[in-house]
Amino acid sequence: MTWWYAALIAVGVAIVLSVLAAALKRDWLALPIVLVIGYVLALRVAGATTPTGPWFAPLLALGLVILATAGGGPLVGFVLRVIVKSPQKAGKHGGIVLADDERDAHDEKKRSTRVGHEVLRGGATIGYLERFGLVGSILVGQPAAIAIIVAVKGLGRFTELDSAAARERFIVGTLGSLIWAATCAAAISGTWA
């Protein structure tokens, strides 16, 4: 049982690290949260007895939902920085600013009207909502809702994905976010057993 109390404390520390990572724009600060989720999943797989108090399971689940939602932002930011090696300049609204040569070279009108245009704006907010929606859909037993979440996000971003850099960032960011949220949801759903 003491292992589970240590897990609850670790989840609290991981939430603080996630918030600091986002606030300080230091994505690497959030890397230890992966170990925390791994620890919770390991306890679940090992069959460790959970505390029987009426407060423990809901508190741990709430902490894991917060960690799934808030922790994914810095983790996805780190993954994007490591994997996507493109020279795009960061925009004022969280997106990327594409250069003229990164636009659709076949459509002169589109290219000339969008020079220096910021794409993928608001990605952090959309990421929070997508992770929260994924975790929520799994917790209420409706995993099919994940397809709706992904479809809405794809349709909403469709017009911004005319460059290879934007497509790569969109795909890597979305998959990273969904994998993190699904992993956290697996840890959360195990706390109700």
Protein backbone atom coordinates (compact mmCIF):
# COMPACT_ATOMS: atom_id res chain seq x y z
CA MET A 1 0.00 0.00 0.00
CA THR A 2 2.83 2.42 0.70
CA TRP A 3 3.84 2.07 -2.95
CA TRP A 4 0.53 3.64 -3.92
CA TYR A 5 0.98 6.54 -1.51
CA ALA A 6 4.38 7.11 -3.10
CA ALA A 7 2.64 7.07 -6.49
CA LEU A 8 0.19 9.74 -5.33
CA ILE A 9 3.04 11.95 -4.14
CA ALA A 10 4.93 11.34 -7.40
CA VAL A 11 1.86 12.36 -9.42
CA GLY A 12 1.67 15.60 -7.40
CA VAL A 13 5.36 16.33 -8.06
CA ALA A 14 4.88 15.50 -11.74
CA ILE A 15 2.01 17.99 -12.00
CA VAL A 16 4.23 20.70 -10.51
CA LEU A 17 7.02 19.82 -12.96
CA SER A 18 4.57 19.99 -15.87
CA VAL A 19 3.31 23.40 -14.85
CA LEU A 20 6.87 24.69 -14.36
CA ALA A 21 7.95 23.27 -17.71
CA ALA A 22 5.11 25.06 -19.47
CA ALA A 23 5.51 28.32 -17.56
CA LEU A 24 9.29 28.51 -17.96
CA LYS A 25 9.26 27.20 -21.55
CA ARG A 26 11.65 24.44 -20.49
CA ASP A 27 10.10 21.31 -21.98
CA TRP A 28 12.82 19.01 -20.64
CA LEU A 29 11.62 19.66 -17.06
CA ALA A 30 8.60 17.50 -17.82
CA LEU A 31 10.56 14.40 -18.88
CA PRO A 32 10.40 12.77 -15.40
CA ILE A 33 6.62 12.60 -15.64
CA VAL A 34 7.03 9.70 -18.07
CA LEU A 35 8.65 7.75 -15.23
CA VAL A 36 5.75 8.59 -12.92
CA ILE A 37 3.19 7.17 -15.35
CA GLY A 38 5.44 4.15 -15.84
CA TYR A 39 5.55 3.68 -12.06
CA VAL A 40 1.75 3.82 -11.74
CA LEU A 41 1.34 1.36 -14.62
CA ALA A 42 3.95 -0.95 -13.08
CA LEU A 43 2.05 -0.95 -9.78
CA ARG A 44 -1.13 -1.81 -11.64
CA VAL A 45 0.51 -4.64 -13.59
CA ALA A 46 2.18 -5.99 -10.44
CA GLY A 47 -1.21 -6.13 -8.76
CA ALA A 48 -0.19 -3.97 -5.79
CA THR A 49 -3.05 -3.58 -3.34
CA THR A 50 -4.53 -0.10 -3.49
CA PRO A 51 -5.49 1.78 -0.33
CA THR A 52 -9.14 1.30 0.59
CA GLY A 53 -9.90 4.84 1.75
CA PRO A 54 -12.76 6.58 -0.08
CA TRP A 55 -10.54 9.51 -1.04
CA PHE A 56 -7.54 7.71 -2.50
CA ALA A 57 -8.80 6.43 -5.88
CA PRO A 58 -10.63 9.65 -6.83
CA LEU A 59 -7.66 11.80 -5.79
CA LEU A 60 -5.19 9.68 -7.75
CA ALA A 61 -7.51 9.64 -10.78
CA LEU A 62 -7.91 13.42 -10.64
CA GLY A 63 -4.14 13.86 -10.42
CA LEU A 64 -3.63 11.57 -13.39
CA VAL A 65 -6.25 13.44 -15.45
CA ILE A 66 -4.46 16.72 -14.69
CA LEU A 67 -1.13 15.10 -15.57
CA ALA A 68 -2.52 13.70 -18.83
CA THR A 69 -3.89 17.09 -19.81
CA ALA A 70 -1.18 19.47 -18.61
CA GLY A 71 1.83 17.18 -18.86
CA GLY A 72 1.31 16.40 -22.51
CA GLY A 73 2.05 19.96 -23.63
CA PRO A 74 5.67 20.11 -22.51
CA LEU A 75 6.27 16.50 -23.55
CA VAL A 76 4.93 17.10 -27.04
CA GLY A 77 6.96 20.32 -27.23
CA PHE A 78 10.10 18.36 -26.35
CA VAL A 79 9.32 15.66 -28.91
CA LEU A 80 8.71 18.28 -31.60
CA ARG A 81 11.96 20.04 -30.79
CA VAL A 82 13.94 16.78 -30.94
CA ILE A 83 12.25 15.11 -33.92
CA VAL A 84 11.13 17.94 -36.19
CA LYS A 85 14.36 19.52 -37.40
CA SER A 86 12.87 22.34 -39.43
CA PRO A 87 13.99 25.97 -39.42
CA GLN A 88 10.56 27.56 -38.93
CA LYS A 89 10.34 30.63 -36.78
CA ALA A 90 7.93 30.51 -33.84
CA GLY A 91 4.87 32.71 -34.29
CA LYS A 92 3.33 35.11 -31.80
CA HIS A 93 0.36 32.83 -31.18
CA GLY A 94 2.12 29.51 -30.66
CA GLY A 95 2.22 28.48 -34.31
CA ILE A 96 5.02 28.54 -36.85
CA VAL A 97 5.72 31.12 -39.52
CA LEU A 98 6.43 29.56 -42.88
CA ALA A 99 8.79 31.14 -45.37
CA ASP A 100 7.75 31.82 -48.97
CA ASP A 101 9.60 28.78 -50.33
CA GLU A 102 7.72 26.44 -47.97
CA ARG A 103 4.35 27.22 -49.53
CA ASP A 104 2.59 25.54 -52.37
CA ALA A 105 4.84 26.46 -55.30
CA HIS A 106 2.14 25.60 -57.86
CA ASP A 107 -0.42 28.11 -56.64
CA GLU A 108 1.03 31.61 -57.06
CA LYS A 109 -2.07 33.32 -55.64
CA LYS A 110 -2.02 31.22 -52.47
CA ARG A 111 1.73 31.65 -52.12
CA SER A 112 1.71 35.41 -52.53
CA THR A 113 -1.17 36.04 -50.13
CA ARG A 114 0.23 33.91 -47.33
CA VAL A 115 3.87 35.05 -47.10
CA GLY A 116 4.89 35.09 -43.47
CA HIS A 117 1.54 33.62 -42.43
CA GLU A 118 1.45 31.87 -39.07
CA VAL A 119 -0.03 28.37 -39.20
CA LEU A 120 -0.98 25.90 -36.47
CA ARG A 121 -1.90 28.69 -34.08
CA GLY A 122 -3.41 27.74 -30.74
CA GLY A 123 -1.87 24.28 -30.77
CA ALA A 124 -1.31 24.25 -27.00
CA THR A 125 -4.96 24.94 -26.23
CA ILE A 126 -6.14 22.42 -28.79
CA GLY A 127 -3.72 19.89 -27.30
CA TYR A 128 -5.12 20.37 -23.80
CA LEU A 129 -8.65 19.87 -25.09
CA GLU A 130 -7.74 16.84 -27.19
CA ARG A 131 -5.93 15.09 -24.30
CA PHE A 132 -8.74 15.87 -21.85
CA GLY A 133 -11.30 14.63 -24.38
CA LEU A 134 -9.39 11.41 -25.01
CA VAL A 135 -9.00 10.62 -21.32
CA GLY A 136 -12.63 11.49 -20.65
CA SER A 137 -13.91 9.34 -23.49
CA ILE A 138 -11.96 6.35 -22.20
CA LEU A 139 -13.07 6.89 -18.61
CA VAL A 140 -16.75 7.02 -19.56
CA GLY A 141 -16.37 3.90 -21.69
CA GLN A 142 -16.71 5.56 -25.10
CA PRO A 143 -13.35 5.04 -26.83
CA ALA A 144 -15.05 5.53 -30.22
CA ALA A 145 -15.26 9.23 -29.35
CA ILE A 146 -11.50 9.39 -29.93
CA ALA A 147 -12.17 9.08 -33.66
CA ILE A 148 -14.43 12.13 -33.47
CA ILE A 149 -11.77 14.11 -31.60
CA VAL A 150 -9.12 13.26 -34.20
CA ALA A 151 -11.50 13.96 -37.10
CA VAL A 152 -12.51 17.37 -35.74
CA LYS A 153 -8.88 18.31 -35.21
CA GLY A 154 -7.90 17.18 -38.70
CA LEU A 155 -10.79 19.00 -40.35
CA GLY A 156 -10.07 22.14 -38.36
CA ARG A 157 -6.42 22.18 -39.43
CA PHE A 158 -6.91 20.95 -43.00
CA THR A 159 -6.47 24.35 -44.67
CA GLU A 160 -3.23 25.00 -42.78
CA LEU A 161 -1.49 21.82 -43.87
CA ASP A 162 -0.35 22.97 -47.33
CA SER A 163 3.35 22.77 -46.47
CA ALA A 164 5.45 19.76 -45.57
CA ALA A 165 6.71 21.47 -42.40
CA ALA A 166 3.18 22.10 -41.13
CA ARG A 167 2.07 18.55 -41.94
CA GLU A 168 5.06 17.02 -40.16
CA ARG A 169 4.55 19.17 -37.07
CA PHE A 170 0.81 18.40 -37.05
CA ILE A 171 1.25 14.64 -37.35
CA VAL A 172 4.11 14.31 -34.85
CA GLY A 173 2.40 16.61 -32.34
CA THR A 174 -0.98 14.91 -32.62
CA LEU A 175 0.41 11.39 -32.34
CA GLY A 176 2.62 12.34 -29.39
CA SER A 177 -0.31 13.98 -27.63
CA LEU A 178 -2.64 11.04 -28.25
CA ILE A 179 -0.08 8.45 -27.15
CA TRP A 180 0.59 10.36 -23.92
CA ALA A 181 -3.11 10.76 -23.16
CA ALA A 182 -3.86 7.10 -23.90
CA THR A 183 -1.02 5.97 -21.64
CA CYS A 184 -2.33 8.17 -18.84
CA ALA A 185 -5.85 6.91 -19.45
CA ALA A 186 -4.60 3.35 -19.04
CA ALA A 187 -3.11 4.32 -15.67
CA ILE A 188 -6.31 6.11 -14.65
CA SER A 189 -8.70 3.37 -15.66
CA GLY A 190 -6.69 0.96 -13.56
CA THR A 191 -7.25 3.03 -10.43
CA TRP A 192 -10.97 2.19 -10.38
CA ALA A 193 -10.44 -1.59 -10.25
